[in-house]
Amino acid sequence: MAEPYDVTSAIIEYEDGDMPFPKIVELFQYLVDQRMISQLQGSYGRMAQRLIEAGEVHPKVRAA
């Protein structure tokens, strides 16, 4: 059974500037998928938007 994603530790690692780019993409994809971006400070939303525009993160498609 897979361990649940530890978003708190990932955010701390990101904030500390110690996170390699692939893990940044993983973090932001998780935040987008879980719709957590809007609950965080604005810099997270701006970074998510930059990663989406670069094709690194894919927005979650809303069900019709």
Protein backbone atom coordinates (compact mmCIF):
# COMPACT_ATOMS: atom_id res chain seq x y z
CA MET A 1 0.00 0.00 0.00
CA ALA A 2 1.40 3.38 -1.00
CA GLU A 3 2.12 6.00 1.60
CA PRO A 4 -0.15 9.06 1.43
CA TYR A 5 1.50 12.16 -0.07
CA ASP A 6 2.99 14.27 2.73
CA VAL A 7 2.01 17.69 1.44
CA THR A 8 3.13 19.49 4.60
CA SER A 9 6.70 18.17 4.35
CA ALA A 10 6.73 18.88 0.62
CA ILE A 11 5.67 22.50 1.16
CA ILE A 12 8.35 22.96 3.82
CA GLU A 13 10.99 21.52 1.49
CA TYR A 14 9.75 23.80 -1.33
CA GLU A 15 9.76 26.86 0.95
CA ASP A 16 13.30 26.04 2.10
CA GLY A 17 14.44 26.04 -1.53
CA ASP A 18 15.77 22.47 -1.26
CA MET A 19 13.37 20.81 -3.70
CA PRO A 20 14.57 19.62 -7.12
CA PHE A 21 12.43 20.64 -10.11
CA PRO A 22 10.76 17.22 -10.69
CA LYS A 23 9.54 17.24 -7.08
CA ILE A 24 8.26 20.82 -7.51
CA VAL A 25 6.20 19.63 -10.46
CA GLU A 26 4.92 16.70 -8.40
CA LEU A 27 3.96 19.01 -5.53
CA PHE A 28 2.14 21.49 -7.73
CA GLN A 29 0.37 18.74 -9.67
CA TYR A 30 -0.86 17.36 -6.34
CA LEU A 31 -1.99 20.82 -5.18
CA VAL A 32 -3.86 21.39 -8.45
CA ASP A 33 -5.43 17.91 -8.42
CA GLN A 34 -6.60 18.32 -4.83
CA ARG A 35 -7.85 21.88 -5.52
CA MET A 36 -5.67 23.20 -2.70
CA ILE A 37 -4.03 26.04 -4.67
CA SER A 38 -6.72 28.59 -3.79
CA GLN A 39 -6.24 27.86 -0.08
CA LEU A 40 -2.56 28.83 -0.17
CA GLN A 41 -0.85 32.21 -0.51
CA GLY A 42 -0.90 33.86 -3.92
CA SER A 43 2.63 32.87 -4.90
CA TYR A 44 1.49 29.24 -5.10
CA GLY A 45 -1.27 30.10 -7.53
CA ARG A 46 1.13 32.13 -9.67
CA MET A 47 3.68 29.30 -9.70
CA ALA A 48 0.97 26.77 -10.56
CA GLN A 49 -0.14 28.97 -13.45
CA ARG A 50 3.45 29.26 -14.76
CA LEU A 51 3.87 25.47 -14.57
CA ILE A 52 0.54 24.93 -16.34
CA GLU A 53 1.49 27.38 -19.10
CA ALA A 54 4.85 25.58 -19.48
CA GLY A 55 3.04 22.24 -19.84
CA GLU A 56 4.65 20.81 -16.71
CA VAL A 57 1.43 20.66 -14.65
CA HIS A 58 -1.96 19.75 -16.10
CA PRO A 59 -5.12 21.42 -14.79
CA LYS A 60 -7.77 19.15 -13.42
CA VAL A 61 -10.69 18.93 -15.82
CA ARG A 62 -14.04 19.49 -14.15
CA ALA A 63 -16.71 16.90 -14.75
CA ALA A 64 -19.71 18.14 -16.73
